[in-house]
Protein backbone atom coordinates (compact mmCIF):
# COMPACT_ATOMS: atom_id res chain seq x y z
CA UNK A 1 117.55 -125.62 82.71
CA UNK A 2 116.17 -122.68 80.75
CA UNK A 3 117.06 -121.65 77.22
CA UNK A 4 118.73 -118.51 78.53
CA UNK A 5 120.96 -120.46 80.90
CA UNK A 6 121.72 -122.93 78.11
CA UNK A 7 123.01 -120.08 75.94
CA UNK A 8 125.09 -118.69 78.79
CA UNK A 9 126.65 -122.07 79.48
CA UNK A 10 127.55 -122.67 75.85
CA UNK A 11 129.08 -119.23 75.42
CA UNK A 12 131.07 -119.14 78.65
CA UNK A 13 131.95 -122.68 79.68
CA UNK A 14 134.53 -125.20 78.54
CA UNK A 15 134.16 -128.97 78.92
CA UNK A 16 136.72 -128.95 81.72
CA UNK A 17 134.87 -126.26 83.64
CA UNK A 18 131.53 -128.03 83.17
CA UNK A 19 132.97 -131.30 84.48
CA UNK A 20 134.62 -129.58 87.44
CA UNK A 21 131.30 -127.99 88.38
CA UNK A 22 129.60 -131.39 88.19
CA UNK A 23 132.26 -132.95 90.43
CA UNK A 24 131.81 -130.18 92.99
CA UNK A 25 128.02 -130.57 93.01
CA UNK A 26 127.64 -134.34 92.53
CA UNK A 27 130.92 -135.86 93.69
CA UNK A 28 129.59 -139.13 95.13
CA UNK A 29 126.90 -139.69 92.51
CA UNK A 30 127.56 -142.17 89.68
CA UNK A 31 129.02 -140.63 86.53
CA UNK A 32 129.68 -143.49 84.11
CA UNK A 33 128.71 -147.15 84.09
CA UNK A 34 129.22 -150.23 81.95
CA UNK A 35 126.70 -153.10 82.24
CA UNK A 36 127.92 -156.50 83.37
CA UNK A 37 128.52 -158.99 80.58
CA UNK A 38 130.25 -162.31 81.30
CA UNK A 39 130.90 -162.85 77.58
CA UNK A 40 132.76 -159.58 77.15
CA UNK A 41 136.55 -159.66 77.24
CA UNK A 42 136.84 -156.73 79.66
CA UNK A 43 134.99 -155.45 82.72
CA UNK A 44 132.96 -158.65 82.75
CA UNK A 45 131.37 -157.80 86.08
CA UNK A 46 130.47 -154.30 85.00
CA UNK A 47 131.91 -150.95 85.96
CA UNK A 48 130.69 -147.83 87.70
CA UNK A 49 132.59 -144.74 88.69
CA UNK A 50 131.50 -141.68 90.65
CA UNK A 51 132.12 -138.11 89.61
CA UNK A 52 134.79 -137.70 92.27
CA UNK A 53 136.65 -140.90 91.38
CA UNK A 54 136.44 -140.06 87.68
CA UNK A 55 137.90 -136.64 88.44
CA UNK A 56 140.84 -138.28 90.24
CA UNK A 57 141.54 -140.48 87.23
CA UNK A 58 141.20 -137.57 84.85
CA UNK A 59 143.63 -135.53 86.97
CA UNK A 60 146.19 -138.33 86.82
CA UNK A 61 145.89 -138.43 83.02
CA UNK A 62 146.15 -134.65 82.83
CA UNK A 63 149.45 -134.88 84.70
CA UNK A 64 150.78 -137.51 82.27
CA UNK A 65 149.82 -135.57 79.16
CA UNK A 66 151.00 -132.25 80.58
CA UNK A 67 154.37 -133.70 81.56
CA UNK A 68 154.83 -134.97 78.01
CA UNK A 69 154.16 -131.49 76.65
CA UNK A 70 150.59 -131.78 75.37
CA UNK A 71 148.39 -128.73 75.33
CA UNK A 72 146.47 -126.20 73.31
CA UNK A 73 146.46 -126.79 69.56
CA UNK A 74 147.56 -130.42 69.63
CA UNK A 75 145.51 -133.36 68.37
CA UNK A 76 145.50 -136.93 69.70
CA UNK A 77 143.72 -139.79 67.94
CA UNK A 78 142.16 -142.59 69.97
CA UNK A 79 141.07 -146.14 69.24
CA UNK A 80 139.41 -147.06 72.52
CA UNK A 81 136.05 -148.48 71.43
CA UNK A 82 133.03 -147.88 73.67
CA UNK A 83 135.00 -148.06 76.88
CA UNK A 84 135.30 -145.75 79.89
CA UNK A 85 138.91 -145.11 78.88
CA UNK A 86 137.78 -142.95 75.98
CA UNK A 87 135.66 -140.69 78.18
CA UNK A 88 138.39 -140.30 80.81
CA UNK A 89 141.12 -139.61 78.25
CA UNK A 90 138.93 -137.16 76.35
CA UNK A 91 138.14 -135.22 79.51
CA UNK A 92 141.83 -135.07 80.36
CA UNK A 93 142.93 -134.05 76.87
CA UNK A 94 140.19 -131.44 76.54
CA UNK A 95 141.21 -129.95 79.91
CA UNK A 96 144.58 -129.20 78.36
CA UNK A 97 143.15 -127.87 75.11
CA UNK A 98 144.01 -130.99 73.13
CA UNK A 99 141.57 -132.00 70.37
CA UNK A 100 140.51 -135.67 70.30
CA UNK A 101 140.12 -137.60 67.05
CA UNK A 102 138.30 -140.89 67.80
CA UNK A 103 138.78 -143.71 65.30
CA UNK A 104 135.92 -145.99 64.34
CA UNK A 105 137.07 -149.51 65.28
CA UNK A 106 135.35 -150.86 62.17
CA UNK A 107 137.68 -148.85 59.93
CA UNK A 108 139.99 -150.77 57.65
CA UNK A 109 143.62 -149.81 57.03
CA UNK A 110 142.93 -147.41 54.20
CA UNK A 111 140.28 -145.55 56.20
CA UNK A 112 142.56 -145.22 59.24
CA UNK A 113 145.41 -144.08 57.01
CA UNK A 114 143.23 -141.34 55.56
CA UNK A 115 142.05 -140.18 58.98
CA UNK A 116 145.63 -139.98 60.31
CA UNK A 117 146.94 -138.17 57.26
CA UNK A 118 144.03 -135.74 57.24
CA UNK A 119 143.87 -134.94 60.97
CA UNK A 120 147.63 -135.16 61.70
CA UNK A 121 147.48 -136.23 65.36
CA UNK A 122 150.59 -136.11 67.51
CA UNK A 123 149.92 -139.64 68.78
CA UNK A 124 147.36 -142.45 68.65
CA UNK A 125 146.18 -143.87 71.98
CA UNK A 126 144.93 -147.44 71.47
CA UNK A 127 143.77 -150.50 73.30
CA UNK A 128 146.62 -153.04 73.32
CA UNK A 129 144.58 -155.37 71.11
CA UNK A 130 144.12 -152.56 68.56
CA UNK A 131 147.81 -151.64 68.25
CA UNK A 132 148.40 -153.76 65.16
CA UNK A 133 145.30 -152.40 63.48
CA UNK A 134 146.84 -148.94 63.47
CA UNK A 135 150.31 -150.21 62.62
CA UNK A 136 148.92 -151.86 59.50
CA UNK A 137 147.50 -148.50 58.42
CA UNK A 138 150.68 -146.44 58.79
CA UNK A 139 152.31 -147.43 55.47
CA UNK A 140 149.35 -145.88 53.65
CA UNK A 141 149.59 -142.55 55.47
CA UNK A 142 151.98 -139.69 54.85
CA UNK A 143 151.54 -138.78 58.52
CA UNK A 144 152.77 -141.50 60.86
CA UNK A 145 152.25 -140.64 64.52
CA UNK A 146 153.47 -142.73 67.43
CA UNK A 147 151.16 -145.49 68.59
CA UNK A 148 150.76 -145.72 72.36
CA UNK A 149 148.83 -148.54 74.01
CA UNK A 150 146.99 -147.91 77.26
CA UNK A 151 149.25 -150.32 79.14
CA UNK A 152 152.34 -148.32 78.21
CA UNK A 153 151.09 -144.74 78.26
CA UNK A 154 152.87 -143.91 81.49
CA UNK A 155 156.27 -144.78 80.08
CA UNK A 156 156.23 -144.26 76.30
CA UNK A 157 154.06 -141.21 75.65
CA UNK A 158 156.06 -139.22 73.08
CA UNK A 159 156.44 -135.47 73.19
CA UNK A 160 154.43 -133.55 70.59
CA UNK A 161 156.22 -132.22 67.51
CA UNK A 162 155.77 -128.59 68.59
CA UNK A 163 155.20 -126.86 71.92
CA UNK A 164 151.76 -125.73 73.00
CA UNK A 165 151.25 -121.97 73.14
CA UNK A 166 150.77 -120.39 76.58
CA UNK A 167 147.07 -119.62 76.20
CA UNK A 168 143.83 -120.58 77.91
CA UNK A 169 141.26 -123.07 76.70
CA UNK A 170 138.11 -121.23 75.58
CA UNK A 171 134.64 -122.26 74.39
CA UNK A 172 135.95 -121.86 70.83
CA UNK A 173 138.83 -124.31 71.33
CA UNK A 174 138.41 -127.50 69.24
CA UNK A 175 137.41 -130.41 71.49
CA UNK A 176 137.11 -133.20 68.92
CA UNK A 177 137.00 -133.99 65.24
CA UNK A 178 134.33 -136.47 64.20
CA UNK A 179 134.43 -137.95 60.72
CA UNK A 180 131.08 -138.19 58.98
CA UNK A 181 130.38 -141.32 56.96
CA UNK A 182 128.94 -139.40 54.00
CA UNK A 183 127.33 -140.90 50.94
CA UNK A 184 130.11 -140.18 48.47
CA UNK A 185 133.79 -139.38 48.56
CA UNK A 186 136.08 -139.22 51.55
CA UNK A 187 134.63 -138.56 55.01
CA UNK A 188 134.71 -134.97 56.20
CA UNK A 189 136.20 -134.09 59.57
CA UNK A 190 133.68 -132.06 61.58
CA UNK A 191 135.49 -129.84 64.06
CA UNK A 192 133.47 -129.52 67.27
CA UNK A 193 134.41 -126.92 69.86
CA UNK A 194 134.05 -126.93 73.63
CA UNK A 195 131.15 -124.51 73.28
CA UNK A 196 129.47 -126.76 70.73
CA UNK A 197 129.66 -129.81 72.99
CA UNK A 198 128.44 -127.96 76.07
CA UNK A 199 125.58 -126.42 74.07
CA UNK A 200 124.56 -129.86 72.81
CA UNK A 201 124.32 -131.23 76.33
CA UNK A 202 122.59 -128.11 77.60
CA UNK A 203 119.95 -128.43 74.89
CA UNK A 204 119.22 -132.01 75.99
CA UNK A 205 119.14 -130.91 79.61
CA UNK A 206 116.58 -128.21 78.78
CA UNK A 207 114.22 -130.25 76.56
CA UNK A 208 111.64 -130.76 79.28
CA UNK A 209 108.21 -132.20 78.61
CA UNK A 210 108.27 -135.96 78.18
CA UNK A 211 112.06 -135.82 77.77
CA UNK A 212 112.87 -134.00 81.00
CA UNK A 213 116.06 -135.02 82.79
CA UNK A 214 116.00 -135.04 86.58
CA UNK A 215 119.22 -133.70 88.10
CA UNK A 216 121.19 -136.35 89.94
CA UNK A 217 118.52 -139.01 89.43
CA UNK A 218 118.67 -140.28 85.85
CA UNK A 219 120.70 -143.07 84.31
CA UNK A 220 121.00 -142.71 80.53
CA UNK A 221 121.48 -146.01 78.71
CA UNK A 222 123.19 -145.26 75.40
CA UNK A 223 124.36 -148.21 73.26
CA UNK A 224 125.58 -145.96 70.44
CA UNK A 225 129.27 -145.44 69.60
CA UNK A 226 131.43 -143.01 71.54
CA UNK A 227 133.11 -142.07 68.26
CA UNK A 228 129.89 -140.32 67.20
CA UNK A 229 128.16 -137.24 68.55
CA UNK A 230 125.11 -138.91 70.12
CA UNK A 231 126.85 -140.81 72.90
CA UNK A 232 130.07 -138.83 73.26
CA UNK A 233 128.58 -135.33 73.11
CA UNK A 234 124.79 -135.14 73.24
CA UNK A 235 124.07 -137.52 76.11
CA UNK A 236 127.43 -137.41 77.89
CA UNK A 237 127.43 -133.63 78.21
CA UNK A 238 123.78 -133.68 79.26
CA UNK A 239 124.69 -136.17 81.99
CA UNK A 240 127.54 -133.95 83.15
CA UNK A 241 125.41 -130.80 83.20
CA UNK A 242 122.67 -132.53 85.21
CA UNK A 243 124.82 -134.70 87.49
CA UNK A 244 123.45 -137.87 85.95
CA UNK A 245 125.03 -141.17 84.93
CA UNK A 246 125.68 -142.44 81.41
CA UNK A 247 125.34 -146.22 81.06
CA UNK A 248 127.47 -147.34 78.12
CA UNK A 249 127.34 -150.91 76.78
CA UNK A 250 129.96 -151.88 74.22
CA UNK A 251 127.27 -151.85 71.50
CA UNK A 252 123.62 -152.62 70.87
CA UNK A 253 122.96 -156.29 71.60
CA UNK A 254 119.25 -157.11 71.36
CA UNK A 255 119.51 -160.18 73.56
CA UNK A 256 121.02 -158.06 76.35
CA UNK A 257 118.95 -154.90 75.95
CA UNK A 258 116.20 -155.48 78.53
CA UNK A 259 118.45 -157.24 81.04
CA UNK A 260 121.02 -154.44 80.96
CA UNK A 261 118.39 -151.74 81.21
CA UNK A 262 116.84 -153.46 84.21
CA UNK A 263 120.08 -154.33 86.00
CA UNK A 264 121.61 -150.87 85.56
CA UNK A 265 118.46 -149.07 86.67
CA UNK A 266 118.31 -147.07 83.45
CA UNK A 267 115.61 -144.41 83.35
CA UNK A 268 116.32 -143.16 79.81
CA UNK A 269 117.40 -145.08 76.71
CA UNK A 270 118.78 -144.00 73.35
CA UNK A 271 117.83 -145.71 70.12
CA UNK A 272 118.18 -145.61 66.35
CA UNK A 273 115.47 -146.61 63.94
CA UNK A 274 117.00 -150.03 63.38
CA UNK A 275 116.79 -150.88 67.09
CA UNK A 276 113.01 -150.66 67.32
CA UNK A 277 112.05 -153.38 64.78
CA UNK A 278 114.72 -155.66 66.24
CA UNK A 279 113.22 -155.29 69.71
CA UNK A 280 109.70 -155.76 68.39
CA UNK A 281 110.82 -158.96 66.67
CA UNK A 282 111.91 -160.48 70.00
CA UNK A 283 109.37 -162.79 71.67
CA UNK A 284 107.27 -160.89 74.22
CA UNK A 285 108.58 -161.29 77.75
CA UNK A 286 108.12 -159.91 81.24
CA UNK A 287 111.57 -158.28 80.94
CA UNK A 288 110.36 -155.69 78.47
CA UNK A 289 108.12 -154.23 81.16
CA UNK A 290 110.41 -154.83 84.15
CA UNK A 291 112.27 -151.56 83.85
CA UNK A 292 112.33 -147.96 85.08
CA UNK A 293 112.46 -146.25 81.69
CA UNK A 294 110.49 -143.02 81.52
CA UNK A 295 111.27 -142.40 77.87
CA UNK A 296 113.57 -143.33 75.02
CA UNK A 297 115.08 -140.74 72.71
CA UNK A 298 116.30 -141.25 69.17
CA UNK A 299 115.52 -140.95 65.50
CA UNK A 300 114.29 -142.99 62.61
CA UNK A 301 111.57 -145.20 64.07
CA UNK A 302 109.31 -146.29 61.22
CA UNK A 303 105.83 -144.73 61.39
CA UNK A 304 104.15 -148.15 61.28
CA UNK A 305 106.16 -149.31 64.30
CA UNK A 306 106.16 -146.19 66.45
CA UNK A 307 102.75 -146.54 68.18
CA UNK A 308 103.12 -150.31 68.44
CA UNK A 309 106.47 -149.98 70.22
CA UNK A 310 105.17 -147.40 72.68
CA UNK A 311 102.15 -149.53 73.50
CA UNK A 312 104.12 -152.74 73.92
CA UNK A 313 107.06 -151.36 75.92
CA UNK A 314 105.18 -148.79 77.98
CA UNK A 315 107.15 -145.59 77.40
CA UNK A 316 107.25 -142.85 74.74
CA UNK A 317 109.82 -142.92 71.95
CA UNK A 318 110.81 -139.27 71.56
CA UNK A 319 111.85 -138.60 67.97
CA UNK A 320 114.53 -135.97 67.55
CA UNK A 321 116.55 -134.51 64.70
CA UNK A 322 120.19 -133.55 64.72
CA UNK A 323 123.41 -134.16 62.86
CA UNK A 324 127.12 -134.06 63.60
CA UNK A 325 127.27 -130.47 62.38
CA UNK A 326 124.51 -129.45 64.82
CA UNK A 327 123.29 -131.68 67.63
CA UNK A 328 121.26 -129.16 69.63
CA UNK A 329 118.35 -131.33 68.64
CA UNK A 330 114.81 -130.56 67.59
CA UNK A 331 112.39 -132.87 69.40
CA UNK A 332 108.72 -133.90 69.43
CA UNK A 333 108.61 -134.12 73.22
CA UNK A 334 105.52 -132.15 74.25
CA UNK A 335 101.92 -133.36 74.15
CA UNK A 336 100.09 -133.71 71.91
CA UNK A 337 102.80 -135.59 70.04
CA UNK A 338 102.43 -136.69 66.43
CA UNK A 339 103.36 -140.34 66.81
CA UNK A 340 103.79 -142.32 63.62
CA UNK A 341 104.24 -139.32 61.31
CA UNK A 342 108.05 -138.95 61.39
CA UNK A 343 107.52 -135.71 63.35
CA UNK A 344 110.72 -134.51 65.03
CA UNK A 345 109.92 -131.11 66.47
CA UNK A 346 109.71 -127.42 65.71
CA UNK A 347 112.20 -124.59 65.48
CA UNK A 348 113.04 -123.06 68.85
CA UNK A 349 114.83 -120.05 70.29
CA UNK A 350 118.33 -120.86 69.10
CA UNK A 351 117.47 -122.78 65.93
CA UNK A 352 115.58 -121.19 63.06
CA UNK A 353 114.39 -123.51 60.28
CA UNK A 354 113.31 -123.12 56.65
CA UNK A 355 112.03 -125.69 54.16
CA UNK A 356 112.98 -124.85 50.57
CA UNK A 357 112.39 -126.36 47.14
CA UNK A 358 115.10 -127.15 44.58
CA UNK A 359 115.18 -123.52 43.48
CA UNK A 360 115.78 -122.32 47.04
CA UNK A 361 112.30 -120.87 47.45
CA UNK A 362 110.18 -121.46 50.54
CA UNK A 363 108.17 -124.66 50.22
CA UNK A 364 104.49 -124.52 51.04
CA UNK A 365 103.36 -126.24 54.23
CA UNK A 366 102.87 -129.92 53.50
CA UNK A 367 105.29 -129.88 50.54
CA UNK A 368 108.66 -131.61 50.88
CA UNK A 369 111.87 -129.62 50.61
CA UNK A 370 115.36 -129.38 52.03
CA UNK A 371 115.70 -128.37 55.68
CA UNK A 372 117.88 -125.29 56.23
CA UNK A 373 118.83 -124.20 59.74
CA UNK A 374 120.75 -121.46 61.55
CA UNK A 375 120.99 -119.97 65.01
CA UNK A 376 119.71 -116.55 63.96
CA UNK A 377 120.17 -113.93 61.27
CA UNK A 378 122.66 -112.04 63.43
CA UNK A 379 124.73 -115.09 64.45
CA UNK A 380 123.84 -117.92 62.04
CA UNK A 381 126.69 -120.27 63.04
CA UNK A 382 126.46 -119.88 66.79
CA UNK A 383 126.40 -123.31 68.45
CA UNK A 384 127.17 -125.14 65.21
CA UNK A 385 130.30 -127.08 64.26
CA UNK A 386 133.37 -124.95 63.62
CA UNK A 387 133.80 -126.21 60.07
CA UNK A 388 135.09 -129.12 58.02
CA UNK A 389 138.76 -129.71 58.70
CA UNK A 390 140.96 -128.43 55.86
CA UNK A 391 137.92 -127.90 53.65
CA UNK A 392 136.78 -124.29 53.75
CA UNK A 393 135.13 -124.74 50.35
CA UNK A 394 132.82 -127.47 51.63
CA UNK A 395 132.13 -125.50 54.81
CA UNK A 396 131.10 -122.39 52.92
CA UNK A 397 129.05 -124.41 50.43
CA UNK A 398 127.11 -125.93 53.31
CA UNK A 399 126.44 -122.41 54.65
CA UNK A 400 125.35 -120.95 51.32
CA UNK A 401 123.08 -117.94 51.84
CA UNK A 402 123.69 -117.85 55.58
CA UNK A 403 121.75 -121.06 56.28
CA UNK A 404 123.18 -124.50 56.90
CA UNK A 405 121.98 -126.90 54.22
CA UNK A 406 121.25 -130.16 56.00
CA UNK A 407 120.66 -132.34 52.95
CA UNK A 408 117.53 -133.70 54.64
CA UNK A 409 114.14 -133.55 52.95
CA UNK A 410 111.31 -132.68 55.34
CA UNK A 411 107.87 -131.12 55.29
CA UNK A 412 106.35 -128.66 57.71
CA UNK A 413 102.79 -128.74 58.94
CA UNK A 414 100.62 -125.65 59.54
CA UNK A 415 101.45 -125.97 63.25
CA UNK A 416 105.18 -125.63 62.53
CA UNK A 417 105.91 -129.30 63.22
CA UNK A 418 108.64 -130.68 60.98
CA UNK A 419 108.42 -134.20 59.59
CA UNK A 420 111.31 -136.19 58.16
CA UNK A 421 111.02 -137.57 54.62
CA UNK A 422 114.49 -138.73 53.57
CA UNK A 423 118.00 -137.68 52.86
CA UNK A 424 118.00 -135.45 49.79
CA UNK A 425 120.33 -137.84 47.98
CA UNK A 426 117.89 -140.68 48.62
CA UNK A 427 115.15 -139.12 46.54
CA UNK A 428 114.53 -141.10 43.36
CA UNK A 429 113.34 -139.10 40.35
CA UNK A 430 111.18 -141.33 38.11
CA UNK A 431 109.14 -139.94 35.24
CA UNK A 432 108.80 -136.58 36.98
CA UNK A 433 107.76 -138.15 40.30
CA UNK A 434 109.89 -137.79 43.42
CA UNK A 435 110.07 -141.04 45.38
CA UNK A 436 111.46 -141.18 48.93
CA UNK A 437 113.63 -144.25 49.30
CA UNK A 438 112.79 -144.30 53.02
CA UNK A 439 109.10 -144.71 52.29
CA UNK A 440 109.67 -147.78 50.13
CA UNK A 441 112.16 -149.19 52.65
CA UNK A 442 109.71 -148.73 55.50
CA UNK A 443 107.03 -150.62 53.61
CA UNK A 444 109.29 -153.49 52.55
CA UNK A 445 110.50 -153.88 56.13
CA UNK A 446 106.95 -154.70 57.19
CA UNK A 447 106.93 -157.78 54.92
CA UNK A 448 107.53 -160.89 57.05
CA UNK A 449 110.19 -162.23 54.65
CA UNK A 450 112.42 -159.12 54.70
CA UNK A 451 115.30 -158.74 57.14
CA UNK A 452 117.04 -155.65 55.72
CA UNK A 453 116.55 -153.41 52.73
CA UNK A 454 118.26 -150.53 50.98
CA UNK A 455 116.37 -148.66 48.28
CA UNK A 456 118.16 -146.44 45.80
CA UNK A 457 117.99 -145.02 42.31
CA UNK A 458 119.30 -146.85 39.27
CA UNK A 459 119.61 -145.23 35.85
CA UNK A 460 116.70 -145.78 33.45
CA UNK A 461 116.89 -144.74 29.81
CA UNK A 462 113.19 -143.98 29.54
CA UNK A 463 112.16 -142.73 32.98
CA UNK A 464 115.42 -141.06 34.11
CA UNK A 465 115.65 -143.24 37.22
CA UNK A 466 114.06 -146.44 38.47
CA UNK A 467 113.64 -147.86 41.96
CA UNK A 468 116.15 -150.52 43.01
CA UNK A 469 115.64 -152.50 46.22
CA UNK A 470 118.57 -154.47 47.65
CA UNK A 471 117.04 -156.97 50.04
CA UNK A 472 118.30 -159.37 52.68
CA UNK A 473 115.77 -162.14 53.29
CA UNK A 474 115.22 -163.83 56.63
CA UNK A 475 115.10 -167.24 54.93
CA UNK A 476 116.24 -168.43 51.48
CA UNK A 477 113.48 -168.41 48.87
CA UNK A 478 112.98 -168.82 45.14
CA UNK A 479 114.24 -165.48 43.85
CA UNK A 480 111.79 -164.76 41.05
CA UNK A 481 108.73 -165.85 43.02
CA UNK A 482 109.78 -163.83 46.05
CA UNK A 483 110.57 -160.76 43.94
CA UNK A 484 107.14 -160.87 42.35
CA UNK A 485 105.51 -161.30 45.74
CA UNK A 486 107.35 -158.28 47.12
CA UNK A 487 106.44 -156.07 44.17
CA UNK A 488 102.80 -157.11 44.45
CA UNK A 489 103.00 -156.37 48.16
CA UNK A 490 104.19 -152.84 47.38
CA UNK A 491 101.71 -152.29 44.57
CA UNK A 492 98.87 -153.05 46.95
CA UNK A 493 99.93 -150.30 49.35
CA UNK A 494 101.73 -147.50 47.51
CA UNK A 495 101.48 -145.78 44.14
CA UNK A 496 102.66 -148.05 41.35
CA UNK A 497 105.62 -145.85 40.40
CA UNK A 498 107.10 -146.22 43.90
CA UNK A 499 107.34 -150.02 43.77
CA UNK A 500 110.75 -151.54 42.97
CA UNK A 501 111.47 -151.88 39.26
CA UNK A 502 114.59 -153.86 40.09
CA UNK A 503 115.25 -156.22 43.00
CA UNK A 504 118.60 -157.59 44.10
CA UNK A 505 118.68 -160.25 46.80
CA UNK A 506 121.94 -160.01 48.77
CA UNK A 507 123.45 -161.89 51.71
CA UNK A 508 124.12 -158.74 53.74
CA UNK A 509 124.35 -154.96 53.51
CA UNK A 510 127.33 -152.83 54.59
CA UNK A 511 126.67 -150.74 57.70
CA UNK A 512 128.39 -148.10 59.83
CA UNK A 513 129.15 -148.43 63.53
CA UNK A 514 125.69 -147.08 64.28
CA UNK A 515 124.11 -149.68 61.98
CA UNK A 516 123.23 -147.21 59.25
CA UNK A 517 123.28 -148.89 55.87
CA UNK A 518 126.07 -147.55 53.64
CA UNK A 519 124.34 -147.50 50.29
CA UNK A 520 127.39 -146.14 48.52
CA UNK A 521 129.34 -149.29 49.46
CA UNK A 522 126.85 -151.82 48.08
CA UNK A 523 128.26 -151.49 44.56
CA UNK A 524 131.74 -150.40 43.45
CA UNK A 525 132.00 -146.71 42.71
CA UNK A 526 131.02 -145.90 39.14
CA UNK A 527 129.36 -149.26 38.60
CA UNK A 528 125.86 -149.52 37.14
CA UNK A 529 124.17 -152.09 39.42
CA UNK A 530 122.41 -153.53 36.37
CA UNK A 531 125.76 -154.58 34.94
CA UNK A 532 126.27 -157.11 37.74
CA UNK A 533 123.73 -159.47 36.18
CA UNK A 534 122.29 -160.14 39.64
CA UNK A 535 119.32 -157.80 39.46
CA UNK A 536 115.81 -159.06 38.76
CA UNK A 537 113.93 -156.84 36.31
CA UNK A 538 110.43 -156.23 37.67
CA UNK A 539 109.56 -153.25 35.49
CA UNK A 540 107.04 -155.16 33.38
CA UNK A 541 105.08 -156.00 36.50
CA UNK A 542 105.03 -152.31 37.41
CA UNK A 543 103.74 -151.39 33.98
CA UNK A 544 100.91 -153.89 34.28
CA UNK A 545 99.85 -152.19 37.48
CA UNK A 546 100.18 -148.66 36.13
CA UNK A 547 97.30 -146.49 35.02
């Protein structure tokens, strides 16, 4: 698929039209699969459905929703986990112009209450086992939609509160609202249109190089959540546009990874940075080479682990960059690749990129700065998210100066290759030096005693900020001795000012559904971590090593 055809598809095609075209061209080919898992409480023997059979199920759901009065302009929330039901219901709802609002199953009552009140869905479609989870949230929400379990949808689907207008679904029609986790405050609802989702899949389908998809031949194993853009938009739409099959486990399970990839015949796999060290930590086995994978695609593999993983597993790990607001990804997928440098690709026809310093001026090649992106000067927002739901102020702030401000710190090489450094909010400012939390985290993760780590800034009266490392150990150890050993470990490999000045050993770290550590939930909002009395002060050791 060429860039020109990608643009045409995104501008002219809805999700329903794209799926109908795939059914017509690939009817008997597999569309969606779930690996077998005897320990799972559903579809224990696995599941696979063809494009034609999926279309029949979608048509039946369309009839149900249409009969109840659902159509353009309505919203329906779903709590369907990583199951085929979500994909089939979304395709049906989108056909009618209904916008889907998936709920993260890890959400607690307050989080669900906020999502319902903010997005105002007409109904919530849930797994029977999740019904009570939503019921418990309703008292905290000013908006209280009907809750409909899958086993009763044919008989109890309520009519929407207002009729749908007699208009056609267009590429600009909202297809879903995905809530970003954020680092502070309430999550923002990213409104994604039909055109956005189709463009995301078309970009994947047109990547080429080492990440080329073969029409009607590939099986894309994606263990990431369907309530995020990677699995539900980026890879699913790419599968639809190329007549390929998405293989969707319920979640990432390291002990099942190689077996599922082998048994399902996966040719492509999706990963996050956290997946790679977990797989490398497994004992070597024949299973990790008994597969058909041509490549894996993802983001966040640590530079120290990237070449080792490719060598051990026998396929390239293609690093990409994208975000919920724009998932027409940049990718380092053409030789010669820059493995182990956090390289994630160059600007392309359809995404212009700038790297700017804190003053908004262009950063010199090799110097870190915030990544700004747009489609073009004439149409900067083309192919991007439609905006943050009910938050025009935040939307316009993100688009200040006609460029989308990603909040990611990167640097660009003379060849135009962009390299990830860290999230802008994860830059620690100590005595005039900028320290990337990700760099310190990556180093600490190579220590054999460290299981997980989150590095962040803590206030320092003398140096403005100091480095705090919250660490989960693989085995219990004497705290002070281990802390000193870890600081010495860092001091031997990075500049002294980057080493942790404070260390806090914790039992676990809060994570999102995609296993991203939620740093803002480690300590209560407004709390100085030093006030907990649990931190070990290692600043004197840093001073002894300073020059």
